[in-house]
Amino acid sequence: MPYIDGFVLAVPAANRQAFVEHAKYVDGLIRKFGATRIVECWADDVPDGKLTDMRKAVQAQDDEVVVFSWVEWPDKETRTEGFRKMEEHAKTDERWNAQEHPAPFDGKRMIWGGFKPIVEL
């Protein structure tokens, strides 16, 4: 059964193309460590909720768009080992240098977590 890492973040609308380029770059690196599929989604129909919603969850500002992404791994073990290898690799490989390849969004407001699928149709 696959294992899923899910992400929600706020990206300045003006940074859409920069986000696409950054995602392609980082996603390409992640795939080398065992991820089988990565999907990046730009908000199209994300309604405001009465109590909470995706915008509130990431404290999106008026000029920001919600992005929903996921990384699919063959299983949790591959994901755990992939994360371990990425962390080690990031210590010596300049492609992971956040100063040279800055994210076009505020990563402190990103929410993410790992998920085991329980229903798949």
PDB file of N, CA and C in Angstrom:
ATOM      1  N   MET A   1       0.856  -1.175   0.000  1.00  0.00           N
ATOM      2  CA  MET A   1       0.000   0.000   0.000  1.00  0.00           C
ATOM      3  C   MET A   1       0.901   1.235   0.000  1.00  0.00           C
ATOM      4  N   PRO A   2       0.617   2.213  -0.839  1.00  0.00           N
ATOM      5  CA  PRO A   2       1.464   3.412  -0.887  1.00  0.00           C
ATOM      6  C   PRO A   2       1.372   4.221   0.413  1.00  0.00           C
ATOM      7  N   TYR A   3       2.330   5.101   0.584  1.00  0.00           N
ATOM      8  CA  TYR A   3       2.354   6.022   1.720  1.00  0.00           C
ATOM      9  C   TYR A   3       2.369   7.429   1.138  1.00  0.00           C
ATOM     10  N   ILE A   4       1.628   8.346   1.756  1.00  0.00           N
ATOM     11  CA  ILE A   4       1.446   9.688   1.207  1.00  0.00           C
ATOM     12  C   ILE A   4       1.937  10.740   2.193  1.00  0.00           C
ATOM     13  N   ASP A   5       2.739  11.675   1.697  1.00  0.00           N
ATOM     14  CA  ASP A   5       3.055  12.896   2.437  1.00  0.00           C
ATOM     15  C   ASP A   5       2.209  13.994   1.822  1.00  0.00           C
ATOM     16  N   GLY A   6       1.418  14.689   2.637  1.00  0.00           N
ATOM     17  CA  GLY A   6       0.560  15.767   2.152  1.00  0.00           C
ATOM     18  C   GLY A   6       1.039  17.112   2.666  1.00  0.00           C
ATOM     19  N   PHE A   7       0.871  18.142   1.848  1.00  0.00           N
ATOM     20  CA  PHE A   7       1.353  19.487   2.169  1.00  0.00           C
ATOM     21  C   PHE A   7       0.298  20.528   1.790  1.00  0.00           C
ATOM     22  N   VAL A   8       0.159  21.553   2.612  1.00  0.00           N
ATOM     23  CA  VAL A   8      -0.653  22.716   2.278  1.00  0.00           C
ATOM     24  C   VAL A   8       0.211  23.926   2.607  1.00  0.00           C
ATOM     25  N   LEU A   9       0.285  24.881   1.679  1.00  0.00           N
ATOM     26  CA  LEU A   9       1.086  26.073   1.891  1.00  0.00           C
ATOM     27  C   LEU A   9       0.474  27.258   1.175  1.00  0.00           C
ATOM     28  N   ALA A  10       0.926  28.447   1.547  1.00  0.00           N
ATOM     29  CA  ALA A  10       0.466  29.682   0.922  1.00  0.00           C
ATOM     30  C   ALA A  10       1.611  30.247   0.091  1.00  0.00           C
ATOM     31  N   VAL A  11       1.304  30.571  -1.165  1.00  0.00           N
ATOM     32  CA  VAL A  11       2.314  31.100  -2.083  1.00  0.00           C
ATOM     33  C   VAL A  11       1.806  32.438  -2.616  1.00  0.00           C
ATOM     34  N   PRO A  12       2.640  33.481  -2.590  1.00  0.00           N
ATOM     35  CA  PRO A  12       2.205  34.736  -3.198  1.00  0.00           C
ATOM     36  C   PRO A  12       1.773  34.498  -4.644  1.00  0.00           C
ATOM     37  N   ALA A  13       0.617  35.023  -5.019  1.00  0.00           N
ATOM     38  CA  ALA A  13       0.096  34.815  -6.378  1.00  0.00           C
ATOM     39  C   ALA A  13       1.118  35.232  -7.435  1.00  0.00           C
ATOM     40  N   ALA A  14       1.871  36.272  -7.153  1.00  0.00           N
ATOM     41  CA  ALA A  14       2.870  36.757  -8.102  1.00  0.00           C
ATOM     42  C   ALA A  14       4.022  35.765  -8.288  1.00  0.00           C
ATOM     43  N   ASN A  15       4.148  34.798  -7.387  1.00  0.00           N
ATOM     44  CA  ASN A  15       5.247  33.818  -7.454  1.00  0.00           C
ATOM     45  C   ASN A  15       4.841  32.500  -8.103  1.00  0.00           C
ATOM     46  N   ARG A  16       3.733  32.486  -8.822  1.00  0.00           N
ATOM     47  CA  ARG A  16       3.257  31.212  -9.392  1.00  0.00           C
ATOM     48  C   ARG A  16       4.331  30.527 -10.243  1.00  0.00           C
ATOM     49  N   GLN A  17       4.894  31.227 -11.201  1.00  0.00           N
ATOM     50  CA  GLN A  17       5.892  30.597 -12.076  1.00  0.00           C
ATOM     51  C   GLN A  17       7.141  30.216 -11.291  1.00  0.00           C
ATOM     52  N   ALA A  18       7.549  31.061 -10.354  1.00  0.00           N
ATOM     53  CA  ALA A  18       8.709  30.727  -9.520  1.00  0.00           C
ATOM     54  C   ALA A  18       8.420  29.471  -8.702  1.00  0.00           C
ATOM     55  N   PHE A  19       7.167  29.336  -8.231  1.00  0.00           N
ATOM     56  CA  PHE A  19       6.797  28.136  -7.480  1.00  0.00           C
ATOM     57  C   PHE A  19       6.872  26.901  -8.376  1.00  0.00           C
ATOM     58  N   VAL A  20       6.341  27.013  -9.592  1.00  0.00           N
ATOM     59  CA  VAL A  20       6.375  25.879 -10.525  1.00  0.00           C
ATOM     60  C   VAL A  20       7.814  25.451 -10.773  1.00  0.00           C
ATOM     61  N   GLU A  21       8.687  26.396 -11.030  1.00  0.00           N
ATOM     62  CA  GLU A  21      10.093  26.072 -11.286  1.00  0.00           C
ATOM     63  C   GLU A  21      10.748  25.454 -10.060  1.00  0.00           C
ATOM     64  N   HIS A  22      10.478  26.024  -8.884  1.00  0.00           N
ATOM     65  CA  HIS A  22      11.035  25.492  -7.642  1.00  0.00           C
ATOM     66  C   HIS A  22      10.518  24.068  -7.393  1.00  0.00           C
ATOM     67  N   ALA A  23       9.221  23.860  -7.594  1.00  0.00           N
ATOM     68  CA  ALA A  23       8.632  22.534  -7.373  1.00  0.00           C
ATOM     69  C   ALA A  23       9.244  21.503  -8.318  1.00  0.00           C
ATOM     70  N   LYS A  24       9.390  21.839  -9.574  1.00  0.00           N
ATOM     71  CA  LYS A  24       9.999  20.894 -10.519  1.00  0.00           C
ATOM     72  C   LYS A  24      11.416  20.544 -10.091  1.00  0.00           C
ATOM     73  N   TYR A  25      12.147  21.536  -9.618  1.00  0.00           N
ATOM     74  CA  TYR A  25      13.524  21.324  -9.177  1.00  0.00           C
ATOM     75  C   TYR A  25      13.567  20.405  -7.955  1.00  0.00           C
ATOM     76  N   VAL A  26      12.844  20.775  -6.903  1.00  0.00           N
ATOM     77  CA  VAL A  26      12.868  19.996  -5.664  1.00  0.00           C
ATOM     78  C   VAL A  26      12.232  18.624  -5.868  1.00  0.00           C
ATOM     79  N   ASP A  27      11.116  18.578  -6.596  1.00  0.00           N
ATOM     80  CA  ASP A  27      10.451  17.297  -6.832  1.00  0.00           C
ATOM     81  C   ASP A  27      11.364  16.336  -7.583  1.00  0.00           C
ATOM     82  N   GLY A  28      12.157  16.869  -8.497  1.00  0.00           N
ATOM     83  CA  GLY A  28      13.122  16.029  -9.213  1.00  0.00           C
ATOM     84  C   GLY A  28      14.135  15.409  -8.266  1.00  0.00           C
ATOM     85  N   LEU A  29      14.562  16.168  -7.272  1.00  0.00           N
ATOM     86  CA  LEU A  29      15.497  15.630  -6.275  1.00  0.00           C
ATOM     87  C   LEU A  29      14.817  14.560  -5.423  1.00  0.00           C
ATOM     88  N   ILE A  30      13.590  14.828  -4.998  1.00  0.00           N
ATOM     89  CA  ILE A  30      12.868  13.884  -4.141  1.00  0.00           C
ATOM     90  C   ILE A  30      12.633  12.556  -4.863  1.00  0.00           C
ATOM     91  N   ARG A  31      12.333  12.619  -6.145  1.00  0.00           N
ATOM     92  CA  ARG A  31      12.086  11.381  -6.904  1.00  0.00           C
ATOM     93  C   ARG A  31      13.295  10.453  -6.871  1.00  0.00           C
ATOM     94  N   LYS A  32      14.485  11.025  -6.788  1.00  0.00           N
ATOM     95  CA  LYS A  32      15.701  10.200  -6.754  1.00  0.00           C
ATOM     96  C   LYS A  32      15.807   9.361  -5.481  1.00  0.00           C
ATOM     97  N   PHE A  33      14.987   9.683  -4.486  1.00  0.00           N
ATOM     98  CA  PHE A  33      15.048   8.973  -3.213  1.00  0.00           C
ATOM     99  C   PHE A  33      13.857   8.057  -2.989  1.00  0.00           C
ATOM    100  N   GLY A  34      13.134   7.726  -4.070  1.00  0.00           N
ATOM    101  CA  GLY A  34      12.113   6.698  -3.982  1.00  0.00           C
ATOM    102  C   GLY A  34      10.676   7.120  -4.158  1.00  0.00           C
ATOM    103  N   ALA A  35      10.402   8.429  -4.203  1.00  0.00           N
ATOM    104  CA  ALA A  35       9.017   8.859  -4.430  1.00  0.00           C
ATOM    105  C   ALA A  35       8.574   8.413  -5.815  1.00  0.00           C
ATOM    106  N   THR A  36       7.357   7.916  -5.916  1.00  0.00           N
ATOM    107  CA  THR A  36       6.861   7.423  -7.201  1.00  0.00           C
ATOM    108  C   THR A  36       5.986   8.436  -7.936  1.00  0.00           C
ATOM    109  N   ARG A  37       5.427   9.393  -7.184  1.00  0.00           N
ATOM    110  CA  ARG A  37       4.549  10.384  -7.805  1.00  0.00           C
ATOM    111  C   ARG A  37       4.511  11.624  -6.920  1.00  0.00           C
ATOM    112  N   ILE A  38       4.559  12.780  -7.556  1.00  0.00           N
ATOM    113  CA  ILE A  38       4.460  14.044  -6.828  1.00  0.00           C
ATOM    114  C   ILE A  38       3.488  14.929  -7.591  1.00  0.00           C
ATOM    115  N   VAL A  39       2.529  15.507  -6.869  1.00  0.00           N
ATOM    116  CA  VAL A  39       1.524  16.355  -7.496  1.00  0.00           C
ATOM    117  C   VAL A  39       1.499  17.687  -6.755  1.00  0.00           C
ATOM    118  N   GLU A  40       1.550  18.775  -7.521  1.00  0.00           N
ATOM    119  CA  GLU A  40       1.474  20.136  -6.974  1.00  0.00           C
ATOM    120  C   GLU A  40       0.199  20.764  -7.535  1.00  0.00           C
ATOM    121  N   CYS A  41      -0.675  21.265  -6.673  1.00  0.00           N
ATOM    122  CA  CYS A  41      -1.965  21.809  -7.107  1.00  0.00           C
ATOM    123  C   CYS A  41      -2.118  23.264  -6.666  1.00  0.00           C
ATOM    124  N   TRP A  42      -2.434  24.140  -7.614  1.00  0.00           N
ATOM    125  CA  TRP A  42      -2.667  25.565  -7.371  1.00  0.00           C
ATOM    126  C   TRP A  42      -4.154  25.760  -7.123  1.00  0.00           C
ATOM    127  N   ALA A  43      -4.535  26.462  -6.067  1.00  0.00           N
ATOM    128  CA  ALA A  43      -5.943  26.632  -5.701  1.00  0.00           C
ATOM    129  C   ALA A  43      -6.772  27.143  -6.873  1.00  0.00           C
ATOM    130  N   ASP A  44      -7.928  26.528  -7.035  1.00  0.00           N
ATOM    131  CA  ASP A  44      -8.864  26.929  -8.084  1.00  0.00           C
ATOM    132  C   ASP A  44     -10.233  27.235  -7.483  1.00  0.00           C
ATOM    133  N   ASP A  45     -10.628  26.425  -6.511  1.00  0.00           N
ATOM    134  CA  ASP A  45     -11.939  26.589  -5.877  1.00  0.00           C
ATOM    135  C   ASP A  45     -11.797  26.239  -4.401  1.00  0.00           C
ATOM    136  N   VAL A  46     -11.217  27.157  -3.629  1.00  0.00           N
ATOM    137  CA  VAL A  46     -10.951  26.938  -2.215  1.00  0.00           C
ATOM    138  C   VAL A  46     -11.790  27.939  -1.418  1.00  0.00           C
ATOM    139  N   PRO A  47     -12.957  27.507  -0.952  1.00  0.00           N
ATOM    140  CA  PRO A  47     -13.877  28.442  -0.283  1.00  0.00           C
ATOM    141  C   PRO A  47     -13.409  28.816   1.117  1.00  0.00           C
ATOM    142  N   ASP A  48     -13.833  30.001   1.546  1.00  0.00           N
ATOM    143  CA  ASP A  48     -13.619  30.430   2.922  1.00  0.00           C
ATOM    144  C   ASP A  48     -14.602  29.671   3.810  1.00  0.00           C
ATOM    145  N   GLY A  49     -14.114  29.151   4.919  1.00  0.00           N
ATOM    146  CA  GLY A  49     -14.973  28.448   5.854  1.00  0.00           C
ATOM    147  C   GLY A  49     -15.452  29.366   6.966  1.00  0.00           C
ATOM    148  N   LYS A  50     -16.460  28.934   7.697  1.00  0.00           N
ATOM    149  CA  LYS A  50     -16.966  29.737   8.814  1.00  0.00           C
ATOM    150  C   LYS A  50     -16.054  29.627  10.031  1.00  0.00           C
ATOM    151  N   LEU A  51     -15.551  28.444  10.301  1.00  0.00           N
ATOM    152  CA  LEU A  51     -14.694  28.240  11.463  1.00  0.00           C
ATOM    153  C   LEU A  51     -13.228  28.101  11.046  1.00  0.00           C
ATOM    154  N   THR A  52     -12.975  27.242  10.074  1.00  0.00           N
ATOM    155  CA  THR A  52     -11.613  27.041   9.589  1.00  0.00           C
ATOM    156  C   THR A  52     -11.658  26.665   8.119  1.00  0.00           C
ATOM    157  N   ASP A  53     -10.548  26.762   7.469  1.00  0.00           N
ATOM    158  CA  ASP A  53     -10.440  26.395   6.059  1.00  0.00           C
ATOM    159  C   ASP A  53      -8.960  26.294   5.703  1.00  0.00           C
ATOM    160  N   MET A  54      -8.691  25.987   4.458  1.00  0.00           N
ATOM    161  CA  MET A  54      -7.299  25.803   4.043  1.00  0.00           C
ATOM    162  C   MET A  54      -6.506  27.110   4.110  1.00  0.00           C
ATOM    163  N   ARG A  55      -7.142  28.223   3.783  1.00  0.00           N
ATOM    164  CA  ARG A  55      -6.447  29.523   3.853  1.00  0.00           C
ATOM    165  C   ARG A  55      -6.066  29.853   5.301  1.00  0.00           C
ATOM    166  N   LYS A  56      -7.006  29.647   6.208  1.00  0.00           N
ATOM    167  CA  LYS A  56      -6.728  29.932   7.614  1.00  0.00           C
ATOM    168  C   LYS A  56      -5.636  29.002   8.151  1.00  0.00           C
ATOM    169  N   ALA A  57      -5.650  27.761   7.708  1.00  0.00           N
ATOM    170  CA  ALA A  57      -4.689  26.771   8.209  1.00  0.00           C
ATOM    171  C   ALA A  57      -3.246  27.198   7.952  1.00  0.00           C
ATOM    172  N   VAL A  58      -3.008  27.904   6.850  1.00  0.00           N
ATOM    173  CA  VAL A  58      -1.645  28.338   6.512  1.00  0.00           C
ATOM    174  C   VAL A  58      -1.487  29.851   6.626  1.00  0.00           C
ATOM    175  N   GLN A  59      -2.469  30.502   7.238  1.00  0.00           N
ATOM    176  CA  GLN A  59      -2.446  31.954   7.440  1.00  0.00           C
ATOM    177  C   GLN A  59      -2.184  32.702   6.126  1.00  0.00           C
ATOM    178  N   ALA A  60      -2.872  32.269   5.063  1.00  0.00           N
ATOM    179  CA  ALA A  60      -2.697  32.903   3.751  1.00  0.00           C
ATOM    180  C   ALA A  60      -3.136  34.363   3.795  1.00  0.00           C
ATOM    181  N   GLN A  61      -2.326  35.218   3.211  1.00  0.00           N
ATOM    182  CA  GLN A  61      -2.631  36.642   3.108  1.00  0.00           C
ATOM    183  C   GLN A  61      -3.496  36.873   1.862  1.00  0.00           C
ATOM    184  N   ASP A  62      -4.044  38.075   1.721  1.00  0.00           N
ATOM    185  CA  ASP A  62      -4.918  38.391   0.587  1.00  0.00           C
ATOM    186  C   ASP A  62      -4.249  38.174  -0.768  1.00  0.00           C
ATOM    187  N   ASP A  63      -2.943  38.381  -0.829  1.00  0.00           N
ATOM    188  CA  ASP A  63      -2.219  38.247  -2.103  1.00  0.00           C
ATOM    189  C   ASP A  63      -1.619  36.859  -2.296  1.00  0.00           C
ATOM    190  N   GLU A  64      -2.035  35.878  -1.468  1.00  0.00           N
ATOM    191  CA  GLU A  64      -1.476  34.533  -1.550  1.00  0.00           C
ATOM    192  C   GLU A  64      -2.526  33.514  -1.997  1.00  0.00           C
ATOM    193  N   VAL A  65      -2.032  32.453  -2.588  1.00  0.00           N
ATOM    194  CA  VAL A  65      -2.858  31.359  -3.097  1.00  0.00           C
ATOM    195  C   VAL A  65      -2.475  30.090  -2.334  1.00  0.00           C
ATOM    196  N   VAL A  66      -3.463  29.272  -2.021  1.00  0.00           N
ATOM    197  CA  VAL A  66      -3.201  28.004  -1.349  1.00  0.00           C
ATOM    198  C   VAL A  66      -2.723  26.979  -2.373  1.00  0.00           C
ATOM    199  N   VAL A  67      -1.686  26.248  -1.985  1.00  0.00           N
ATOM    200  CA  VAL A  67      -1.172  25.140  -2.789  1.00  0.00           C
ATOM    201  C   VAL A  67      -1.346  23.868  -1.963  1.00  0.00           C
ATOM    202  N   PHE A  68      -1.862  22.836  -2.613  1.00  0.00           N
ATOM    203  CA  PHE A  68      -2.029  21.521  -1.992  1.00  0.00           C
ATOM    204  C   PHE A  68      -1.182  20.550  -2.796  1.00  0.00           C
ATOM    205  N   SER A  69      -0.317  19.832  -2.109  1.00  0.00           N
ATOM    206  CA  SER A  69       0.612  18.931  -2.804  1.00  0.00           C
ATOM    207  C   SER A  69       0.678  17.599  -2.070  1.00  0.00           C
ATOM    208  N   TRP A  70       1.083  16.582  -2.817  1.00  0.00           N
ATOM    209  CA  TRP A  70       1.351  15.312  -2.154  1.00  0.00           C
ATOM    210  C   TRP A  70       2.469  14.575  -2.865  1.00  0.00           C
ATOM    211  N   VAL A  71       3.144  13.766  -2.042  1.00  0.00           N
ATOM    212  CA  VAL A  71       4.215  12.904  -2.523  1.00  0.00           C
ATOM    213  C   VAL A  71       3.789  11.488  -2.218  1.00  0.00           C
ATOM    214  N   GLU A  72       3.819  10.652  -3.233  1.00  0.00           N
ATOM    215  CA  GLU A  72       3.450   9.250  -3.053  1.00  0.00           C
ATOM    216  C   GLU A  72       4.710   8.398  -3.052  1.00  0.00           C
ATOM    217  N   TRP A  73       4.792   7.525  -2.064  1.00  0.00           N
ATOM    218  CA  TRP A  73       5.912   6.594  -1.899  1.00  0.00           C
ATOM    219  C   TRP A  73       5.371   5.170  -2.018  1.00  0.00           C
ATOM    220  N   PRO A  74       6.197   4.204  -2.379  1.00  0.00           N
ATOM    221  CA  PRO A  74       5.700   2.822  -2.457  1.00  0.00           C
ATOM    222  C   PRO A  74       5.169   2.312  -1.121  1.00  0.00           C
ATOM    223  N   ASP A  75       5.805   2.745  -0.011  1.00  0.00           N
ATOM    224  CA  ASP A  75       5.407   2.321   1.327  1.00  0.00           C
ATOM    225  C   ASP A  75       6.091   3.233   2.336  1.00  0.00           C
ATOM    226  N   LYS A  76       5.722   3.103   3.603  1.00  0.00           N
ATOM    227  CA  LYS A  76       6.289   3.967   4.631  1.00  0.00           C
ATOM    228  C   LYS A  76       7.789   3.727   4.810  1.00  0.00           C
ATOM    229  N   GLU A  77       8.217   2.500   4.677  1.00  0.00           N
ATOM    230  CA  GLU A  77       9.632   2.189   4.848  1.00  0.00           C
ATOM    231  C   GLU A  77      10.476   2.918   3.803  1.00  0.00           C
ATOM    232  N   THR A  78      10.010   2.940   2.550  1.00  0.00           N
ATOM    233  CA  THR A  78      10.731   3.652   1.492  1.00  0.00           C
ATOM    234  C   THR A  78      10.760   5.143   1.796  1.00  0.00           C
ATOM    235  N   ARG A  79       9.657   5.674   2.293  1.00  0.00           N
ATOM    236  CA  ARG A  79       9.592   7.098   2.647  1.00  0.00           C
ATOM    237  C   ARG A  79      10.559   7.421   3.772  1.00  0.00           C
ATOM    238  N   THR A  80      10.577   6.581   4.821  1.00  0.00           N
ATOM    239  CA  THR A  80      11.467   6.821   5.954  1.00  0.00           C
ATOM    240  C   THR A  80      12.924   6.779   5.509  1.00  0.00           C
ATOM    241  N   GLU A  81      13.267   5.794   4.732  1.00  0.00           N
ATOM    242  CA  GLU A  81      14.640   5.674   4.222  1.00  0.00           C
ATOM    243  C   GLU A  81      14.954   6.807   3.247  1.00  0.00           C
ATOM    244  N   GLY A  82      13.996   7.185   2.426  1.00  0.00           N
ATOM    245  CA  GLY A  82      14.189   8.299   1.498  1.00  0.00           C
ATOM    246  C   GLY A  82      14.454   9.600   2.235  1.00  0.00           C
ATOM    247  N   PHE A  83      13.702   9.867   3.298  1.00  0.00           N
ATOM    248  CA  PHE A  83      13.928  11.075   4.101  1.00  0.00           C
ATOM    249  C   PHE A  83      15.318  11.052   4.721  1.00  0.00           C
ATOM    250  N   ARG A  84      15.714   9.881   5.250  1.00  0.00           N
ATOM    251  CA  ARG A  84      17.035   9.754   5.864  1.00  0.00           C
ATOM    252  C   ARG A  84      18.133  10.061   4.848  1.00  0.00           C
ATOM    253  N   LYS A  85      17.999   9.471   3.668  1.00  0.00           N
ATOM    254  CA  LYS A  85      18.997   9.695   2.621  1.00  0.00           C
ATOM    255  C   LYS A  85      19.007  11.153   2.157  1.00  0.00           C
ATOM    256  N   MET A  86      17.817  11.763   2.044  1.00  0.00           N
ATOM    257  CA  MET A  86      17.750  13.171   1.634  1.00  0.00           C
ATOM    258  C   MET A  86      18.465  14.064   2.638  1.00  0.00           C
ATOM    259  N   GLU A  87      18.233  13.817   3.925  1.00  0.00           N
ATOM    260  CA  GLU A  87      18.882  14.632   4.952  1.00  0.00           C
ATOM    261  C   GLU A  87      20.395  14.508   4.871  1.00  0.00           C
ATOM    262  N   GLU A  88      20.902  13.307   4.676  1.00  0.00           N
ATOM    263  CA  GLU A  88      22.344  13.109   4.544  1.00  0.00           C
ATOM    264  C   GLU A  88      22.863  13.786   3.276  1.00  0.00           C
ATOM    265  N   HIS A  89      22.174  13.577   2.200  1.00  0.00           N
ATOM    266  CA  HIS A  89      22.560  14.137   0.902  1.00  0.00           C
ATOM    267  C   HIS A  89      22.584  15.662   0.951  1.00  0.00           C
ATOM    268  N   ALA A  90      21.626  16.256   1.657  1.00  0.00           N
ATOM    269  CA  ALA A  90      21.509  17.713   1.730  1.00  0.00           C
ATOM    270  C   ALA A  90      22.708  18.356   2.434  1.00  0.00           C
ATOM    271  N   LYS A  91      23.414  17.589   3.254  1.00  0.00           N
ATOM    272  CA  LYS A  91      24.574  18.129   3.970  1.00  0.00           C
ATOM    273  C   LYS A  91      25.750  18.425   3.041  1.00  0.00           C
ATOM    274  N   THR A  92      25.816  17.724   1.903  1.00  0.00           N
ATOM    275  CA  THR A  92      26.982  17.868   1.031  1.00  0.00           C
ATOM    276  C   THR A  92      26.653  18.273  -0.399  1.00  0.00           C
ATOM    277  N   ASP A  93      25.408  18.192  -0.794  1.00  0.00           N
ATOM    278  CA  ASP A  93      25.030  18.484  -2.181  1.00  0.00           C
ATOM    279  C   ASP A  93      24.466  19.899  -2.280  1.00  0.00           C
ATOM    280  N   GLU A  94      25.106  20.738  -3.051  1.00  0.00           N
ATOM    281  CA  GLU A  94      24.708  22.143  -3.199  1.00  0.00           C
ATOM    282  C   GLU A  94      23.317  22.307  -3.807  1.00  0.00           C
ATOM    283  N   ARG A  95      22.794  21.278  -4.465  1.00  0.00           N
ATOM    284  CA  ARG A  95      21.452  21.391  -5.042  1.00  0.00           C
ATOM    285  C   ARG A  95      20.385  21.591  -3.975  1.00  0.00           C
ATOM    286  N   TRP A  96      20.702  21.244  -2.723  1.00  0.00           N
ATOM    287  CA  TRP A  96      19.763  21.416  -1.612  1.00  0.00           C
ATOM    288  C   TRP A  96      19.969  22.737  -0.885  1.00  0.00           C
ATOM    289  N   ASN A  97      20.928  23.552  -1.301  1.00  0.00           N
ATOM    290  CA  ASN A  97      21.270  24.801  -0.631  1.00  0.00           C
ATOM    291  C   ASN A  97      20.109  25.791  -0.729  1.00  0.00           C
ATOM    292  N   ALA A  98      19.494  26.083   0.409  1.00  0.00           N
ATOM    293  CA  ALA A  98      18.322  26.975   0.432  1.00  0.00           C
ATOM    294  C   ALA A  98      18.678  28.422   0.095  1.00  0.00           C
ATOM    295  N   GLN A  99      19.938  28.804   0.269  1.00  0.00           N
ATOM    296  CA  GLN A  99      20.353  30.162  -0.093  1.00  0.00           C
ATOM    297  C   GLN A  99      20.415  30.307  -1.616  1.00  0.00           C
ATOM    298  N   GLU A 100      20.892  29.279  -2.286  1.00  0.00           N
ATOM    299  CA  GLU A 100      20.997  29.318  -3.749  1.00  0.00           C
ATOM    300  C   GLU A 100      19.687  28.966  -4.441  1.00  0.00           C
ATOM    301  N   HIS A 101      18.847  28.201  -3.775  1.00  0.00           N
ATOM    302  CA  HIS A 101      17.570  27.756  -4.336  1.00  0.00           C
ATOM    303  C   HIS A 101      16.453  28.067  -3.337  1.00  0.00           C
ATOM    304  N   PRO A 102      16.194  29.357  -3.080  1.00  0.00           N
ATOM    305  CA  PRO A 102      15.192  29.710  -2.061  1.00  0.00           C
ATOM    306  C   PRO A 102      13.772  29.347  -2.495  1.00  0.00           C
ATOM    307  N   ALA A 103      12.988  28.964  -1.522  1.00  0.00           N
ATOM    308  CA  ALA A 103      11.580  28.666  -1.782  1.00  0.00           C
ATOM    309  C   ALA A 103      10.828  29.974  -1.998  1.00  0.00           C
ATOM    310  N   PRO A 104       9.930  30.026  -2.978  1.00  0.00           N
ATOM    311  CA  PRO A 104       9.160  31.250  -3.240  1.00  0.00           C
ATOM    312  C   PRO A 104       7.910  31.366  -2.365  1.00  0.00           C
ATOM    313  N   PHE A 105       8.014  30.896  -1.122  1.00  0.00           N
ATOM    314  CA  PHE A 105       6.903  30.939  -0.171  1.00  0.00           C
ATOM    315  C   PHE A 105       7.491  30.879   1.234  1.00  0.00           C
ATOM    316  N   ASP A 106       6.666  31.180   2.228  1.00  0.00           N
ATOM    317  CA  ASP A 106       7.076  31.143   3.626  1.00  0.00           C
ATOM    318  C   ASP A 106       6.875  29.737   4.167  1.00  0.00           C
ATOM    319  N   GLY A 107       7.943  28.983   4.239  1.00  0.00           N
ATOM    320  CA  GLY A 107       7.869  27.597   4.674  1.00  0.00           C
ATOM    321  C   GLY A 107       7.440  27.419   6.123  1.00  0.00           C
ATOM    322  N   LYS A 108       7.537  28.462   6.937  1.00  0.00           N
ATOM    323  CA  LYS A 108       7.131  28.355   8.344  1.00  0.00           C
ATOM    324  C   LYS A 108       5.623  28.156   8.473  1.00  0.00           C
ATOM    325  N   ARG A 109       4.858  28.535   7.448  1.00  0.00           N
ATOM    326  CA  ARG A 109       3.393  28.392   7.514  1.00  0.00           C
ATOM    327  C   ARG A 109       2.901  27.148   6.777  1.00  0.00           C
ATOM    328  N   MET A 110       3.806  26.372   6.236  1.00  0.00           N
ATOM    329  CA  MET A 110       3.420  25.141   5.546  1.00  0.00           C
ATOM    330  C   MET A 110       3.015  24.102   6.586  1.00  0.00           C
ATOM    331  N   ILE A 111       1.941  23.373   6.291  1.00  0.00           N
ATOM    332  CA  ILE A 111       1.566  22.247   7.142  1.00  0.00           C
ATOM    333  C   ILE A 111       1.750  20.976   6.324  1.00  0.00           C
ATOM    334  N   TRP A 112       2.168  19.917   6.978  1.00  0.00           N
ATOM    335  CA  TRP A 112       2.385  18.661   6.267  1.00  0.00           C
ATOM    336  C   TRP A 112       2.317  17.499   7.238  1.00  0.00           C
ATOM    337  N   GLY A 113       2.175  16.328   6.670  1.00  0.00           N
ATOM    338  CA  GLY A 113       2.154  15.117   7.474  1.00  0.00           C
ATOM    339  C   GLY A 113       2.141  13.885   6.591  1.00  0.00           C
ATOM    340  N   GLY A 114       2.426  12.741   7.194  1.00  0.00           N
ATOM    341  CA  GLY A 114       2.420  11.466   6.499  1.00  0.00           C
ATOM    342  C   GLY A 114       1.119  10.731   6.756  1.00  0.00           C
ATOM    343  N   PHE A 115       0.631  10.065   5.710  1.00  0.00           N
ATOM    344  CA  PHE A 115      -0.686   9.433   5.782  1.00  0.00           C
ATOM    345  C   PHE A 115      -0.672   8.018   5.189  1.00  0.00           C
ATOM    346  N   LYS A 116      -1.373   7.111   5.874  1.00  0.00           N
ATOM    347  CA  LYS A 116      -1.611   5.761   5.362  1.00  0.00           C
ATOM    348  C   LYS A 116      -2.972   5.749   4.708  1.00  0.00           C
ATOM    349  N   PRO A 117      -3.055   5.434   3.431  1.00  0.00           N
ATOM    350  CA  PRO A 117      -4.375   5.339   2.789  1.00  0.00           C
ATOM    351  C   PRO A 117      -5.208   4.237   3.464  1.00  0.00           C
ATOM    352  N   ILE A 118      -6.489   4.544   3.680  1.00  0.00           N
ATOM    353  CA  ILE A 118      -7.369   3.537   4.277  1.00  0.00           C
ATOM    354  C   ILE A 118      -8.536   3.179   3.348  1.00  0.00           C
ATOM    355  N   VAL A 119      -8.788   3.999   2.349  1.00  0.00           N
ATOM    356  CA  VAL A 119      -9.787   3.708   1.323  1.00  0.00           C
ATOM    357  C   VAL A 119      -9.210   4.165  -0.003  1.00  0.00           C
ATOM    358  N   GLU A 120      -9.249   3.296  -0.992  1.00  0.00           N
ATOM    359  CA  GLU A 120      -8.785   3.663  -2.333  1.00  0.00           C
ATOM    360  C   GLU A 120      -9.725   3.019  -3.328  1.00  0.00           C
ATOM    361  N   LEU A 121     -10.302   3.815  -4.200  1.00  0.00           N
ATOM    362  CA  LEU A 121     -11.236   3.291  -5.203  1.00  0.00           C
ATOM    363  C   LEU A 121     -10.618   3.347  -6.578  1.00  0.00           C
TER     364      LEU A 121
END
